[in-house]
C-alpha atoms as a PDB file:
ATOM      1  CA  MET A   1     -57.748 -40.340-185.750  1.00  0.00           C
ATOM      2  CA  ASP A   2     -60.174 -43.269-185.800  1.00  0.00           C
ATOM      3  CA  ILE A   3     -62.826 -41.084-187.446  1.00  0.00           C
ATOM      4  CA  LEU A   4     -60.431 -40.065-190.230  1.00  0.00           C
ATOM      5  CA  LEU A   5     -59.443 -43.698-190.738  1.00  0.00           C
ATOM      6  CA  ILE A   6     -63.079 -44.788-190.895  1.00  0.00           C
ATOM      7  CA  LEU A   7     -63.792 -42.049-193.456  1.00  0.00           C
ATOM      8  CA  PHE A   8     -60.798 -43.205-195.500  1.00  0.00           C
ATOM      9  CA  ILE A   9     -62.072 -46.808-195.405  1.00  0.00           C
ATOM     10  CA  LEU A  10     -65.509 -45.542-196.437  1.00  0.00           C
ATOM     11  CA  LEU A  11     -63.937 -43.830-199.453  1.00  0.00           C
ATOM     12  CA  ILE A  12     -62.013 -46.956-200.416  1.00  0.00           C
ATOM     13  CA  GLY A  13     -65.232 -48.968-200.122  1.00  0.00           C
ATOM     14  CA  LEU A  14     -67.093 -46.542-202.401  1.00  0.00           C
ATOM     15  CA  ILE A  15     -64.378 -46.829-205.048  1.00  0.00           C
ATOM     16  CA  LEU A  16     -64.240 -50.619-204.778  1.00  0.00           C
ATOM     17  CA  GLY A  17     -68.045 -50.753-204.973  1.00  0.00           C
ATOM     18  CA  SER A  18     -67.844 -49.060-208.373  1.00  0.00           C
ATOM     19  CA  PHE A  19     -65.349 -51.713-209.491  1.00  0.00           C
ATOM     20  CA  TYR A  20     -67.508 -54.535-208.112  1.00  0.00           C
ATOM     21  CA  ASN A  21     -70.387 -53.273-210.264  1.00  0.00           C
ATOM     22  CA  VAL A  22     -68.160 -53.750-213.316  1.00  0.00           C
ATOM     23  CA  VAL A  23     -67.075 -57.230-212.231  1.00  0.00           C
ATOM     24  CA  GLY A  24     -70.634 -58.350-211.440  1.00  0.00           C
ATOM     25  CA  LEU A  25     -71.900 -57.123-214.800  1.00  0.00           C
ATOM     26  CA  ARG A  26     -69.068 -58.274-217.057  1.00  0.00           C
ATOM     27  CA  VAL A  27     -67.784 -61.587-215.683  1.00  0.00           C
ATOM     28  CA  PRO A  28     -71.072 -63.505-216.243  1.00  0.00           C
ATOM     29  CA  GLN A  29     -70.910 -62.355-219.881  1.00  0.00           C
ATOM     30  CA  ASN A  30     -67.261 -63.466-220.190  1.00  0.00           C
ATOM     31  CA  ASN A  31     -66.217 -59.877-220.874  1.00  0.00           C
ATOM     32  CA  SER A  32     -63.013 -58.224-219.748  1.00  0.00           C
ATOM     33  CA  ILE A  33     -63.187 -56.213-216.532  1.00  0.00           C
ATOM     34  CA  VAL A  34     -60.386 -53.956-217.808  1.00  0.00           C
ATOM     35  CA  SER A  35     -61.565 -52.883-221.256  1.00  0.00           C
ATOM     36  CA  PRO A  36     -63.482 -51.311-222.851  1.00  0.00           C
ATOM     37  CA  ARG A  37     -64.002 -48.381-220.504  1.00  0.00           C
ATOM     38  CA  SER A  38     -67.406 -47.945-218.869  1.00  0.00           C
ATOM     39  CA  SER A  39     -70.082 -46.479-221.118  1.00  0.00           C
ATOM     40  CA  CYS A  40     -73.809 -45.791-221.209  1.00  0.00           C
ATOM     41  CA  PRO A  41     -75.610 -49.030-222.189  1.00  0.00           C
ATOM     42  CA  ASN A  42     -78.114 -47.002-224.230  1.00  0.00           C
ATOM     43  CA  CYS A  43     -76.102 -44.470-226.274  1.00  0.00           C
ATOM     44  CA  PHE A  44     -72.647 -46.015-225.646  1.00  0.00           C
ATOM     45  CA  HIS A  45     -71.256 -42.662-224.540  1.00  0.00           C
ATOM     46  CA  GLN A  46     -67.886 -43.377-222.909  1.00  0.00           C
ATOM     47  CA  LEU A  47     -68.023 -42.108-219.342  1.00  0.00           C
ATOM     48  CA  THR A  48     -65.564 -39.467-218.220  1.00  0.00           C
ATOM     49  CA  VAL A  49     -63.764 -39.414-214.883  1.00  0.00           C
ATOM     50  CA  PHE A  50     -66.329 -36.956-213.517  1.00  0.00           C
ATOM     51  CA  GLU A  51     -69.171 -39.293-214.517  1.00  0.00           C
ATOM     52  CA  LEU A  52     -67.594 -42.168-212.600  1.00  0.00           C
ATOM     53  CA  ILE A  53     -67.414 -40.628-209.138  1.00  0.00           C
ATOM     54  CA  PRO A  54     -69.131 -43.197-206.879  1.00  0.00           C
ATOM     55  CA  VAL A  55     -72.658 -42.182-205.819  1.00  0.00           C
ATOM     56  CA  LEU A  56     -71.976 -38.465-206.350  1.00  0.00           C
ATOM     57  CA  SER A  57     -72.084 -38.632-210.161  1.00  0.00           C
ATOM     58  CA  TYR A  58     -75.436 -40.410-210.022  1.00  0.00           C
ATOM     59  CA  VAL A  59     -76.879 -37.739-207.731  1.00  0.00           C
ATOM     60  CA  ILE A  60     -75.501 -34.798-209.732  1.00  0.00           C
ATOM     61  CA  GLN A  61     -76.812 -36.224-213.014  1.00  0.00           C
ATOM     62  CA  GLY A  62     -80.231 -36.920-211.525  1.00  0.00           C
ATOM     63  CA  GLY A  63     -79.875 -40.658-212.145  1.00  0.00           C
ATOM     64  CA  LYS A  64     -79.637 -40.151-215.935  1.00  0.00           C
ATOM     65  CA  CYS A  65     -76.989 -40.390-218.630  1.00  0.00           C
ATOM     66  CA  ARG A  66     -75.529 -36.931-219.215  1.00  0.00           C
ATOM     67  CA  ARG A  67     -75.780 -37.337-223.008  1.00  0.00           C
ATOM     68  CA  CYS A  68     -78.948 -39.322-223.847  1.00  0.00           C
ATOM     69  CA  LYS A  69     -80.838 -38.611-220.586  1.00  0.00           C
ATOM     70  CA  VAL A  70     -81.908 -42.267-220.245  1.00  0.00           C
ATOM     71  CA  GLY A  71     -82.218 -43.429-216.638  1.00  0.00           C
ATOM     72  CA  ILE A  72     -79.270 -45.165-214.974  1.00  0.00           C
ATOM     73  CA  SER A  73     -80.000 -48.238-212.866  1.00  0.00           C
ATOM     74  CA  PRO A  74     -80.050 -47.388-209.133  1.00  0.00           C
ATOM     75  CA  ILE A  75     -78.172 -50.637-208.543  1.00  0.00           C
ATOM     76  CA  TYR A  76     -74.910 -48.818-209.346  1.00  0.00           C
ATOM     77  CA  PRO A  77     -75.003 -46.179-206.578  1.00  0.00           C
ATOM     78  CA  PHE A  78     -76.664 -48.658-204.195  1.00  0.00           C
ATOM     79  CA  VAL A  79     -73.784 -51.134-204.484  1.00  0.00           C
ATOM     80  CA  GLU A  80     -71.200 -48.342-204.219  1.00  0.00           C
ATOM     81  CA  LEU A  81     -72.793 -46.876-201.109  1.00  0.00           C
ATOM     82  CA  LEU A  82     -73.471 -50.237-199.460  1.00  0.00           C
ATOM     83  CA  THR A  83     -69.887 -51.382-200.055  1.00  0.00           C
ATOM     84  CA  GLY A  84     -68.559 -48.179-198.507  1.00  0.00           C
ATOM     85  CA  LEU A  85     -70.840 -48.423-195.483  1.00  0.00           C
ATOM     86  CA  LEU A  86     -70.073 -52.089-194.861  1.00  0.00           C
ATOM     87  CA  PHE A  87     -66.333 -51.532-195.213  1.00  0.00           C
ATOM     88  CA  ALA A  88     -66.522 -48.673-192.708  1.00  0.00           C
ATOM     89  CA  ALA A  89     -68.769 -50.629-190.329  1.00  0.00           C
ATOM     90  CA  ALA A  90     -66.503 -53.698-190.193  1.00  0.00           C
ATOM     91  CA  PRO A  91     -63.845 -52.228-187.846  1.00  0.00           C
ATOM     92  CA  LEU A  92     -66.575 -50.774-185.647  1.00  0.00           C
ATOM     93  CA  LEU A  93     -68.101 -54.248-185.275  1.00  0.00           C
ATOM     94  CA  LEU A  94     -64.918 -56.344-185.126  1.00  0.00           C
ATOM     95  CA  GLY A  95     -62.368 -53.925-183.742  1.00  0.00           C
ATOM     96  CA  TRP A  96     -58.967 -53.256-185.305  1.00  0.00           C
ATOM     97  CA  SER A  97     -57.861 -56.842-185.783  1.00  0.00           C
ATOM     98  CA  SER A  98     -56.473 -58.971-188.594  1.00  0.00           C
ATOM     99  CA  GLU A  99     -59.925 -60.541-188.980  1.00  0.00           C
ATOM    100  CA  LEU A 100     -60.885 -57.335-190.799  1.00  0.00           C
ATOM    101  CA  PHE A 101     -59.219 -58.706-193.935  1.00  0.00           C
ATOM    102  CA  ILE A 102     -61.620 -61.669-193.851  1.00  0.00           C
ATOM    103  CA  ALA A 103     -64.571 -59.303-193.353  1.00  0.00           C
ATOM    104  CA  TRP A 104     -63.594 -57.011-196.216  1.00  0.00           C
ATOM    105  CA  THR A 105     -63.004 -59.978-198.528  1.00  0.00           C
ATOM    106  CA  LEU A 106     -66.388 -61.420-197.588  1.00  0.00           C
ATOM    107  CA  ILE A 107     -68.122 -58.082-198.242  1.00  0.00           C
ATOM    108  CA  SER A 108     -66.347 -57.806-201.609  1.00  0.00           C
ATOM    109  CA  LEU A 109     -67.513 -61.263-202.643  1.00  0.00           C
ATOM    110  CA  PHE A 110     -71.104 -60.483-201.729  1.00  0.00           C
ATOM    111  CA  MET A 111     -71.192 -57.158-203.570  1.00  0.00           C
ATOM    112  CA  ILE A 112     -70.125 -58.854-206.797  1.00  0.00           C
ATOM    113  CA  ILE A 113     -72.584 -61.705-206.275  1.00  0.00           C
ATOM    114  CA  PHE A 114     -75.371 -59.231-205.500  1.00  0.00           C
ATOM    115  CA  VAL A 115     -74.922 -57.551-208.887  1.00  0.00           C
ATOM    116  CA  SER A 116     -74.526 -60.738-210.930  1.00  0.00           C
ATOM    117  CA  ASP A 117     -77.423 -62.539-209.239  1.00  0.00           C
ATOM    118  CA  ILE A 118     -79.806 -59.572-209.456  1.00  0.00           C
ATOM    119  CA  ILE A 119     -79.041 -58.923-213.136  1.00  0.00           C
ATOM    120  CA  TYR A 120     -78.433 -62.439-214.510  1.00  0.00           C
ATOM    121  CA  MET A 121     -79.478 -64.815-211.659  1.00  0.00           C
ATOM    122  CA  ILE A 122     -75.958 -66.270-211.854  1.00  0.00           C
ATOM    123  CA  ILE A 123     -73.205 -66.731-209.276  1.00  0.00           C
ATOM    124  CA  PRO A 124     -70.146 -66.945-211.586  1.00  0.00           C
ATOM    125  CA  ASP A 125     -67.705 -69.813-211.054  1.00  0.00           C
ATOM    126  CA  LYS A 126     -64.799 -67.504-211.953  1.00  0.00           C
ATOM    127  CA  VAL A 127     -65.676 -65.193-209.076  1.00  0.00           C
ATOM    128  CA  LEU A 128     -65.976 -68.098-206.625  1.00  0.00           C
ATOM    129  CA  LEU A 129     -62.651 -69.518-207.812  1.00  0.00           C
ATOM    130  CA  VAL A 130     -60.787 -66.240-207.262  1.00  0.00           C
ATOM    131  CA  PHE A 131     -62.277 -65.745-203.804  1.00  0.00           C
ATOM    132  CA  THR A 132     -61.606 -69.371-202.877  1.00  0.00           C
ATOM    133  CA  GLY A 133     -57.917 -68.652-203.425  1.00  0.00           C
ATOM    134  CA  LEU A 134     -58.093 -65.469-201.365  1.00  0.00           C
ATOM    135  CA  PHE A 135     -59.911 -67.129-198.456  1.00  0.00           C
ATOM    136  CA  LEU A 136     -57.517 -70.101-198.488  1.00  0.00           C
ATOM    137  CA  LEU A 137     -54.572 -67.750-198.063  1.00  0.00           C
ATOM    138  CA  GLU A 138     -56.332 -65.702-195.394  1.00  0.00           C
ATOM    139  CA  ARG A 139     -57.465 -68.691-193.348  1.00  0.00           C
ATOM    140  CA  ILE A 140     -53.938 -70.142-193.430  1.00  0.00           C
ATOM    141  CA  TYR A 141     -52.736 -67.041-191.577  1.00  0.00           C
ATOM    142  CA  LEU A 142     -55.987 -66.445-189.655  1.00  0.00           C
ATOM    143  CA  PRO A 143     -57.308 -69.963-188.959  1.00  0.00           C
ATOM    144  CA  LEU A 144     -60.516 -70.777-187.150  1.00  0.00           C
ATOM    145  CA  GLN A 145     -60.240 -72.512-183.799  1.00  0.00           C
ATOM    146  CA  PRO A 146     -60.148 -75.468-183.923  1.00  0.00           C
ATOM    147  CA  TRP A 147     -58.414 -75.525-187.322  1.00  0.00           C
ATOM    148  CA  TRP A 148     -60.618 -78.338-188.675  1.00  0.00           C
ATOM    149  CA  ASP A 149     -63.746 -76.209-188.230  1.00  0.00           C
ATOM    150  CA  SER A 150     -63.084 -74.689-191.677  1.00  0.00           C
ATOM    151  CA  LEU A 151     -62.903 -78.092-193.377  1.00  0.00           C
ATOM    152  CA  LEU A 152     -65.979 -79.426-191.599  1.00  0.00           C
ATOM    153  CA  GLY A 153     -67.841 -76.179-192.279  1.00  0.00           C
ATOM    154  CA  ALA A 154     -67.041 -76.415-195.998  1.00  0.00           C
ATOM    155  CA  ALA A 155     -68.359 -79.992-196.125  1.00  0.00           C
ATOM    156  CA  VAL A 156     -71.522 -79.117-194.165  1.00  0.00           C
ATOM    157  CA  GLY A 157     -72.249 -76.028-196.267  1.00  0.00           C
ATOM    158  CA  PHE A 158     -71.731 -77.820-199.572  1.00  0.00           C
ATOM    159  CA  PHE A 159     -73.596 -81.056-198.813  1.00  0.00           C
ATOM    160  CA  LEU A 160     -76.481 -79.331-197.020  1.00  0.00           C
ATOM    161  CA  LEU A 161     -77.228 -77.241-200.107  1.00  0.00           C
ATOM    162  CA  LEU A 162     -76.635 -80.228-202.395  1.00  0.00           C
ATOM    163  CA  PHE A 163     -79.123 -82.292-200.372  1.00  0.00           C
ATOM    164  CA  ILE A 164     -81.725 -79.512-200.587  1.00  0.00           C
ATOM    165  CA  ALA A 165     -81.129 -79.156-204.334  1.00  0.00           C
ATOM    166  CA  VAL A 166     -81.685 -82.896-204.832  1.00  0.00           C
ATOM    167  CA  ILE A 167     -84.853 -83.219-202.751  1.00  0.00           C
ATOM    168  CA  SER A 168     -86.290 -79.985-204.163  1.00  0.00           C
ATOM    169  CA  ARG A 169     -85.352 -80.992-207.727  1.00  0.00           C
ATOM    170  CA  GLY A 170     -83.436 -77.867-208.544  1.00  0.00           C
ATOM    171  CA  GLY A 171     -84.671 -75.554-205.821  1.00  0.00           C
ATOM    172  CA  MET A 172     -81.037 -74.539-205.249  1.00  0.00           C
ATOM    173  CA  GLY A 173     -78.681 -73.587-208.052  1.00  0.00           C
ATOM    174  CA  GLY A 174     -75.184 -74.940-208.503  1.00  0.00           C
ATOM    175  CA  GLY A 175     -73.753 -71.520-207.683  1.00  0.00           C
ATOM    176  CA  ASP A 176     -75.556 -71.477-204.336  1.00  0.00           C
ATOM    177  CA  ILE A 177     -74.168 -74.919-203.488  1.00  0.00           C
ATOM    178  CA  LYS A 178     -70.571 -73.978-204.277  1.00  0.00           C
ATOM    179  CA  LEU A 179     -70.947 -70.637-202.519  1.00  0.00           C
ATOM    180  CA  PHE A 180     -72.091 -72.273-199.286  1.00  0.00           C
ATOM    181  CA  GLY A 181     -69.183 -74.692-199.454  1.00  0.00           C
ATOM    182  CA  LEU A 182     -66.867 -71.671-199.577  1.00  0.00           C
ATOM    183  CA  LEU A 183     -68.778 -69.876-196.825  1.00  0.00           C
ATOM    184  CA  GLY A 184     -68.555 -72.944-194.616  1.00  0.00           C
ATOM    185  CA  PHE A 185     -64.789 -72.839-194.988  1.00  0.00           C
ATOM    186  CA  VAL A 186     -64.710 -69.183-193.975  1.00  0.00           C
ATOM    187  CA  LEU A 187     -67.264 -69.308-191.142  1.00  0.00           C
ATOM    188  CA  GLY A 188     -67.079 -72.804-189.686  1.00  0.00           C
ATOM    189  CA  VAL A 189     -69.965 -75.159-188.921  1.00  0.00           C
ATOM    190  CA  LYS A 190     -72.048 -73.145-186.436  1.00  0.00           C
ATOM    191  CA  LEU A 191     -72.042 -69.897-188.340  1.00  0.00           C
ATOM    192  CA  VAL A 192     -72.607 -71.426-191.791  1.00  0.00           C
ATOM    193  CA  LEU A 193     -75.697 -73.214-190.464  1.00  0.00           C
ATOM    194  CA  LEU A 194     -76.903 -69.963-188.905  1.00  0.00           C
ATOM    195  CA  SER A 195     -76.193 -68.062-192.129  1.00  0.00           C
ATOM    196  CA  PHE A 196     -78.295 -70.544-194.112  1.00  0.00           C
ATOM    197  CA  PHE A 197     -81.154 -70.262-191.618  1.00  0.00           C
ATOM    198  CA  LEU A 198     -81.052 -66.458-191.736  1.00  0.00           C
ATOM    199  CA  ALA A 199     -80.761 -66.355-195.537  1.00  0.00           C
ATOM    200  CA  THR A 200     -83.813 -68.609-195.829  1.00  0.00           C
ATOM    201  CA  LEU A 201     -85.686 -66.491-193.278  1.00  0.00           C
ATOM    202  CA  TYR A 202     -84.884 -63.238-195.080  1.00  0.00           C
ATOM    203  CA  GLY A 203     -85.841 -64.759-198.432  1.00  0.00           C
ATOM    204  CA  ALA A 204     -89.134 -66.099-197.081  1.00  0.00           C
ATOM    205  CA  VAL A 205     -90.077 -62.754-195.514  1.00  0.00           C
ATOM    206  CA  PHE A 206     -89.173 -60.872-198.694  1.00  0.00           C
ATOM    207  CA  GLY A 207     -91.113 -63.350-200.850  1.00  0.00           C
ATOM    208  CA  LEU A 208     -94.176 -63.173-198.605  1.00  0.00           C
ATOM    209  CA  ILE A 209     -94.185 -59.375-198.598  1.00  0.00           C
ATOM    210  CA  GLY A 210     -93.679 -59.355-202.376  1.00  0.00           C
ATOM    211  CA  MET A 211     -96.661 -61.661-202.913  1.00  0.00           C
ATOM    212  CA  LEU A 212     -98.861 -59.651-200.548  1.00  0.00           C
ATOM    213  CA  LEU A 213     -97.995 -56.490-202.490  1.00  0.00           C
ATOM    214  CA  GLY A 214     -98.576 -58.243-205.804  1.00  0.00           C
ATOM    215  CA  LYS A 215     -94.972 -57.755-206.921  1.00  0.00           C
ATOM    216  CA  LEU A 216     -94.092 -61.458-206.930  1.00  0.00           C
ATOM    217  CA  LYS A 217     -95.952 -64.552-208.075  1.00  0.00           C
ATOM    218  CA  ARG A 218     -95.837 -67.979-206.495  1.00  0.00           C
ATOM    219  CA  ARG A 219     -93.258 -70.331-208.062  1.00  0.00           C
ATOM    220  CA  ASN A 220     -91.511 -67.458-209.859  1.00  0.00           C
ATOM    221  CA  PRO A 221     -87.771 -67.766-209.115  1.00  0.00           C
ATOM    222  CA  ILE A 222     -86.026 -64.940-207.277  1.00  0.00           C
ATOM    223  CA  PRO A 223     -82.251 -64.548-206.869  1.00  0.00           C
ATOM    224  CA  PHE A 224     -81.114 -66.104-203.595  1.00  0.00           C
ATOM    225  CA  GLY A 225     -77.659 -64.501-203.622  1.00  0.00           C
ATOM    226  CA  PRO A 226     -78.704 -61.220-201.935  1.00  0.00           C
ATOM    227  CA  PHE A 227     -80.362 -63.154-199.096  1.00  0.00           C
ATOM    228  CA  ILE A 228     -77.275 -65.343-198.703  1.00  0.00           C
ATOM    229  CA  ALA A 229     -75.251 -62.132-198.408  1.00  0.00           C
ATOM    230  CA  ALA A 230     -77.589 -60.646-195.808  1.00  0.00           C
ATOM    231  CA  GLY A 231     -77.842 -63.874-193.805  1.00  0.00           C
ATOM    232  CA  THR A 232     -74.111 -64.557-193.875  1.00  0.00           C
ATOM    233  CA  LEU A 233     -73.054 -61.046-192.886  1.00  0.00           C
ATOM    234  CA  THR A 234     -75.577 -61.113-190.035  1.00  0.00           C
ATOM    235  CA  ALA A 235     -74.177 -64.452-188.875  1.00  0.00           C
ATOM    236  CA  TYR A 236     -70.568 -63.319-189.314  1.00  0.00           C
ATOM    237  CA  PHE A 237     -70.894 -60.104-187.311  1.00  0.00           C
ATOM    238  CA  TYR A 238     -73.568 -61.112-184.786  1.00  0.00           C
ATOM    239  CA  GLY A 239     -73.623 -64.923-184.888  1.00  0.00           C
ATOM    240  CA  GLU A 240     -71.956 -65.644-181.566  1.00  0.00           C
ATOM    241  CA  THR A 241     -74.302 -63.210-179.800  1.00  0.00           C
ATOM    242  CA  ILE A 242     -77.368 -64.680-181.531  1.00  0.00           C
ATOM    243  CA  ILE A 243     -76.388 -68.249-180.621  1.00  0.00           C
ATOM    244  CA  LYS A 244     -75.561 -67.301-177.017  1.00  0.00           C
ATOM    245  CA  ASN A 245     -78.879 -65.493-176.529  1.00  0.00           C
ATOM    246  CA  TYR A 246     -80.767 -68.374-178.136  1.00  0.00           C
ATOM    247  CA  PHE A 247     -79.382 -70.897-175.651  1.00  0.00           C
ATOM    248  CA  LEU A 248     -79.966 -68.504-172.767  1.00  0.00           C
ATOM    249  CA  LEU A 249     -83.594 -68.243-173.898  1.00  0.00           C
ATOM    250  CA  LEU A 250     -83.902 -72.029-174.007  1.00  0.00           C
ATOM    251  CA  ALA A 251     -82.422 -72.324-170.522  1.00  0.00           C
ATOM    252  CA  SER A 252     -84.748 -69.722-168.987  1.00  0.00           C
END
């Protein structure tokens, strides 16, 4: 029964991942997420139902538009597949609890941000505003303990990033600052600090490897949103274990 339920959640995640691609691409351009229907950006061929099957359509068509044969960005199937896998993994990591709604909302936010930040290097205010409302409702019914941890976490996340932006003279974007304020509300103080540390670590490692391979140049900006997503999800799912093991290591 659990396997069938996990497979169902995987399917829902794949479908939502397709929708999150649309949101991440259209909202930064102030376009409707409802119309027009999805089409090839090269020949403007309107996609049929069979061309919109998450991941599978991309594989069947060999990563190309069925009409003009121009390559389709691999970001589309990647986001669809990653959303499905993360949705399915959440109950395996958290158990079947109400906290799953927080996890799925967090994953949804990050999938949209991943697309918008990779393509446009923007974290849209409209997206943050919608998810702020969702997280407020969820944390009212599923509060952190103690309850003020959310408020303190929001303040720490926001002002930490604001401080870094000021001393680095723009090293952090306004979207990153607002996002960490929201994440602090969701995670609380300890985990938002850990998420920032991990996001910075992941970004530094990626940047170093990119420079060593000649793919990135020093001082060239790279989107920080994907690293925030990776760092925050690591902290959310494994944070308590990481912090516990860290203090055990210090004590040994």
